[in-house]
Amino acid sequence: MPQNFDSACRQCERLAGFLDQVKTQYPTYYAKPVPAFGVETPKLLIVGLAPGLHGANRSGRPFTGDHAGILLYETLHRYGFASAAQSVASDDALQLIDCRITNAVKCLPPENKPTGEEINRCNQFLAAELAALPASTVILALGSVAHKAILKALHLKAADYAFAHAARHALSNGQVLYDSYHCSRYNTQTKRLTTAMFHALFAAIQHELKEI
């Protein structure tokens, strides 16, 4: 049975030890497993990779306070999924509309690189999140790691759903999965992911939701 989110989880020894080090170095940081943010029953669920050191790991809210959140929240606001275009702190009053954001791995990993074992161990929490969603939910994977984690949580074969930016997958459970390159600083600065590309993807998702 999938386990619900646990803010005190220390199942991954490497990640737990790293969070202890970060908390010592940055005493004001949240530095714990980061919970999902948004409405309980979303029309759109966004799945990222893991908390960023100076973003969600600092603020306690996904994609809040770091570069990766700049394009994401601006786009969410543009397409009606967020009450504001900037997310700077967990108490900034920003609210998500018909949307929820979570991560494949709930804890900050060293160098933003969780191991396969850590991704698999944390998958129980993502599985619980996905199990609670209705069949009409649209899911957006930010990056290939999130894409694979979603498929694992749903007991689907990765070989049947190849990751590609702007790919749309009709899943066997009735849900729809969209893929995007992750909105990381590296991807946006190298133009692997442009604002126009990201906006076009959200326009497609918005159209999909209107058809449901």
Protein backbone atom coordinates (compact mmCIF):
# COMPACT_ATOMS: atom_id res chain seq x y z
CA MET A 1 0.00 0.00 0.00
CA PRO A 2 1.50 3.40 -0.95
CA GLN A 3 2.60 5.44 2.05
CA ASN A 4 1.46 9.04 2.48
CA PHE A 5 3.97 11.89 2.72
CA ASP A 6 6.14 11.91 5.85
CA SER A 7 7.88 15.18 6.77
CA ALA A 8 10.08 13.26 9.23
CA CYS A 9 11.18 10.60 6.74
CA ARG A 10 14.84 9.55 7.02
CA GLN A 11 14.69 6.33 4.99
CA CYS A 12 17.53 7.44 2.70
CA GLU A 13 20.65 7.62 4.86
CA ARG A 14 22.63 9.71 2.38
CA LEU A 15 19.87 12.28 1.92
CA ALA A 16 19.07 12.49 5.63
CA GLY A 17 22.75 13.07 6.45
CA PHE A 18 23.04 15.71 3.74
CA LEU A 19 19.99 17.56 5.06
CA ASP A 20 21.59 17.55 8.53
CA GLN A 21 24.71 19.17 7.07
CA VAL A 22 22.67 21.77 5.18
CA LYS A 23 20.66 22.64 8.29
CA THR A 24 23.90 23.22 10.19
CA GLN A 25 25.23 25.44 7.41
CA TYR A 26 21.92 27.26 6.87
CA PRO A 27 20.01 27.18 10.20
CA THR A 28 17.03 29.12 8.83
CA TYR A 29 16.42 26.73 5.92
CA TYR A 30 13.48 24.31 5.94
CA ALA A 31 15.85 21.38 5.18
CA LYS A 32 13.31 18.55 5.46
CA PRO A 33 11.27 16.48 3.02
CA VAL A 34 9.24 19.03 1.07
CA PRO A 35 5.47 18.46 0.82
CA ALA A 36 3.37 19.05 -2.27
CA PHE A 37 1.83 22.48 -2.77
CA GLY A 38 -1.58 23.32 -4.19
CA VAL A 39 -5.16 22.12 -4.18
CA GLU A 40 -6.06 18.67 -2.85
CA THR A 41 -7.85 17.55 -6.02
CA PRO A 42 -6.08 19.25 -8.92
CA LYS A 43 -6.93 19.20 -12.59
CA LEU A 44 -3.18 19.51 -13.25
CA LEU A 45 -0.46 17.79 -11.24
CA ILE A 46 3.10 18.93 -11.93
CA VAL A 47 5.94 16.60 -10.93
CA GLY A 48 9.48 17.94 -10.67
CA LEU A 49 12.73 16.19 -9.80
CA ALA A 50 13.67 17.22 -6.24
CA PRO A 51 13.94 20.32 -4.02
CA GLY A 52 16.68 22.80 -4.92
CA LEU A 53 19.24 23.83 -2.30
CA HIS A 54 18.25 27.49 -2.19
CA GLY A 55 14.72 26.98 -3.47
CA ALA A 56 12.27 24.48 -2.00
CA ASN A 57 14.86 23.22 0.48
CA ARG A 58 15.10 26.76 1.84
CA SER A 59 11.46 27.79 1.60
CA GLY A 60 9.66 24.49 2.18
CA ARG A 61 7.54 24.94 -0.97
CA PRO A 62 8.21 23.38 -4.40
CA PHE A 63 9.99 25.65 -6.90
CA THR A 64 9.82 28.61 -4.53
CA GLY A 65 12.72 31.01 -4.24
CA ASP A 66 15.08 29.68 -6.91
CA HIS A 67 15.71 30.09 -10.63
CA ALA A 68 13.77 26.96 -11.61
CA GLY A 69 10.58 28.50 -10.29
CA ILE A 70 10.81 31.73 -12.33
CA LEU A 71 9.52 30.35 -15.62
CA LEU A 72 7.21 27.84 -13.94
CA TYR A 73 5.24 30.31 -11.82
CA GLU A 74 5.14 32.97 -14.53
CA THR A 75 3.64 30.37 -16.86
CA LEU A 76 1.22 29.04 -14.26
CA HIS A 77 -0.05 32.58 -13.70
CA ARG A 78 -0.31 33.28 -17.42
CA TYR A 79 -2.48 30.21 -17.97
CA GLY A 80 -4.68 30.66 -14.91
CA PHE A 81 -3.14 28.10 -12.56
CA ALA A 82 -1.59 30.55 -10.05
CA SER A 83 -2.73 33.74 -8.35
CA ALA A 84 0.62 35.49 -8.90
CA ALA A 85 3.52 35.31 -11.34
CA GLN A 86 6.29 35.11 -8.74
CA SER A 87 6.89 32.66 -5.91
CA VAL A 88 9.47 33.97 -3.46
CA ALA A 89 8.52 32.55 -0.04
CA SER A 90 6.11 30.03 1.46
CA ASP A 91 4.19 32.85 3.17
CA ASP A 92 3.88 35.14 0.13
CA ALA A 93 0.11 34.40 -0.22
CA LEU A 94 0.48 32.86 -3.69
CA GLN A 95 -2.19 30.24 -4.33
CA LEU A 96 -2.47 27.60 -7.02
CA ILE A 97 -5.73 27.22 -8.94
CA ASP A 98 -6.80 23.69 -9.99
CA CYS A 99 -3.11 22.77 -9.74
CA ARG A 100 -0.72 20.94 -7.45
CA ILE A 101 3.09 20.71 -7.55
CA THR A 102 5.17 17.88 -6.13
CA ASN A 103 8.54 16.21 -6.69
CA ALA A 104 9.65 12.70 -7.55
CA VAL A 105 12.15 12.91 -4.67
CA LYS A 106 11.04 14.85 -1.60
CA CYS A 107 14.48 15.61 -0.13
CA LEU A 108 17.35 17.73 -1.44
CA PRO A 109 20.00 15.47 -3.02
CA PRO A 110 23.70 16.38 -3.23
CA GLU A 111 24.44 18.15 -6.53
CA ASN A 112 20.73 17.78 -7.42
CA LYS A 113 21.38 14.14 -8.32
CA PRO A 114 19.40 11.50 -6.41
CA THR A 115 20.51 7.93 -6.87
CA GLY A 116 18.29 5.33 -8.51
CA GLU A 117 17.79 3.68 -5.14
CA GLU A 118 16.67 6.98 -3.58
CA ILE A 119 14.25 7.67 -6.42
CA ASN A 120 12.77 4.19 -6.05
CA ARG A 121 12.47 4.41 -2.27
CA CYS A 122 10.71 7.77 -2.46
CA ASN A 123 8.37 6.50 -5.16
CA GLN A 124 5.94 5.23 -2.53
CA PHE A 125 5.00 8.83 -1.73
CA LEU A 126 4.45 9.77 -5.37
CA ALA A 127 2.39 6.61 -5.83
CA ALA A 128 0.14 7.66 -2.96
CA GLU A 129 -0.30 11.12 -4.48
CA LEU A 130 -1.19 9.71 -7.88
CA ALA A 131 -3.55 7.11 -6.44
CA ALA A 132 -5.63 9.88 -4.87
CA LEU A 133 -6.21 11.65 -8.20
CA PRO A 134 -9.25 11.19 -10.44
CA ALA A 135 -8.89 9.69 -13.92
CA SER A 136 -9.47 13.13 -15.47
CA THR A 137 -6.22 14.54 -14.04
CA VAL A 138 -3.57 15.80 -16.41
CA ILE A 139 0.00 15.17 -15.20
CA LEU A 140 3.03 17.15 -16.31
CA ALA A 141 6.49 15.64 -15.85
CA LEU A 142 9.32 18.16 -15.66
CA GLY A 143 12.27 16.13 -16.91
CA SER A 144 12.94 12.48 -17.66
CA VAL A 145 13.49 11.49 -14.02
CA ALA A 146 10.03 12.72 -13.07
CA HIS A 147 8.60 11.04 -16.18
CA LYS A 148 10.07 7.67 -15.22
CA ALA A 149 9.05 8.07 -11.57
CA ILE A 150 5.44 8.70 -12.58
CA LEU A 151 5.35 5.60 -14.75
CA LYS A 152 6.91 3.50 -11.98
CA ALA A 153 4.36 4.80 -9.47
CA LEU A 154 1.55 3.82 -11.84
CA HIS A 155 3.11 0.41 -12.61
CA LEU A 156 3.50 1.28 -16.28
CA LYS A 157 6.39 0.27 -18.53
CA ALA A 158 8.78 3.09 -19.41
CA ALA A 159 9.39 1.49 -22.80
CA ASP A 160 5.76 2.13 -23.74
CA TYR A 161 5.96 5.87 -23.03
CA ALA A 162 9.12 7.49 -24.40
CA PHE A 163 10.10 10.83 -22.86
CA ALA A 164 10.25 13.82 -25.21
CA HIS A 165 9.53 17.49 -24.74
CA ALA A 166 5.85 18.25 -25.44
CA ALA A 167 5.03 14.55 -25.78
CA ARG A 168 1.48 13.57 -24.83
CA HIS A 169 0.79 10.12 -23.43
CA ALA A 170 -2.68 8.66 -22.90
CA LEU A 171 -2.17 6.38 -19.91
CA SER A 172 -3.97 3.09 -19.38
CA ASN A 173 -5.68 4.43 -16.24
CA GLY A 174 -7.39 7.21 -18.18
CA GLN A 175 -5.04 10.00 -17.13
CA VAL A 176 -2.95 12.00 -19.58
CA LEU A 177 0.78 12.59 -19.11
CA TYR A 178 2.63 15.46 -20.76
CA ASP A 179 6.42 15.78 -20.79
CA SER A 180 8.60 18.86 -20.62
CA TYR A 181 12.26 19.55 -20.29
CA HIS A 182 12.89 20.66 -16.72
CA CYS A 183 12.72 24.43 -16.21
CA SER A 184 16.18 24.47 -14.62
CA ARG A 185 18.65 27.31 -14.98
CA TYR A 186 20.80 25.18 -17.27
CA ASN A 187 17.95 24.34 -19.65
CA THR A 188 16.57 27.87 -19.84
CA GLN A 189 19.94 29.59 -20.21
CA THR A 190 21.10 27.20 -22.93
CA LYS A 191 17.71 27.62 -24.68
CA ARG A 192 17.07 23.91 -24.58
CA LEU A 193 13.81 25.06 -23.04
CA THR A 194 12.57 28.46 -24.17
CA THR A 195 9.69 30.49 -22.79
CA ALA A 196 7.82 29.99 -26.05
CA MET A 197 8.23 26.21 -25.82
CA PHE A 198 6.99 26.13 -22.25
CA HIS A 199 4.04 28.40 -23.00
CA ALA A 200 3.05 26.28 -25.99
CA LEU A 201 3.02 23.19 -23.79
CA PHE A 202 0.78 24.85 -21.22
CA ALA A 203 -1.52 26.08 -23.97
CA ALA A 204 -1.92 22.45 -25.05
CA ILE A 205 -2.60 21.38 -21.46
CA GLN A 206 -5.13 24.17 -21.01
CA HIS A 207 -6.92 23.05 -24.20
CA GLU A 208 -6.86 19.44 -22.98
CA LEU A 209 -8.51 20.39 -19.70
CA LYS A 210 -11.23 22.39 -21.46
CA GLU A 211 -12.11 19.28 -23.49
CA ILE A 212 -12.57 17.11 -20.39
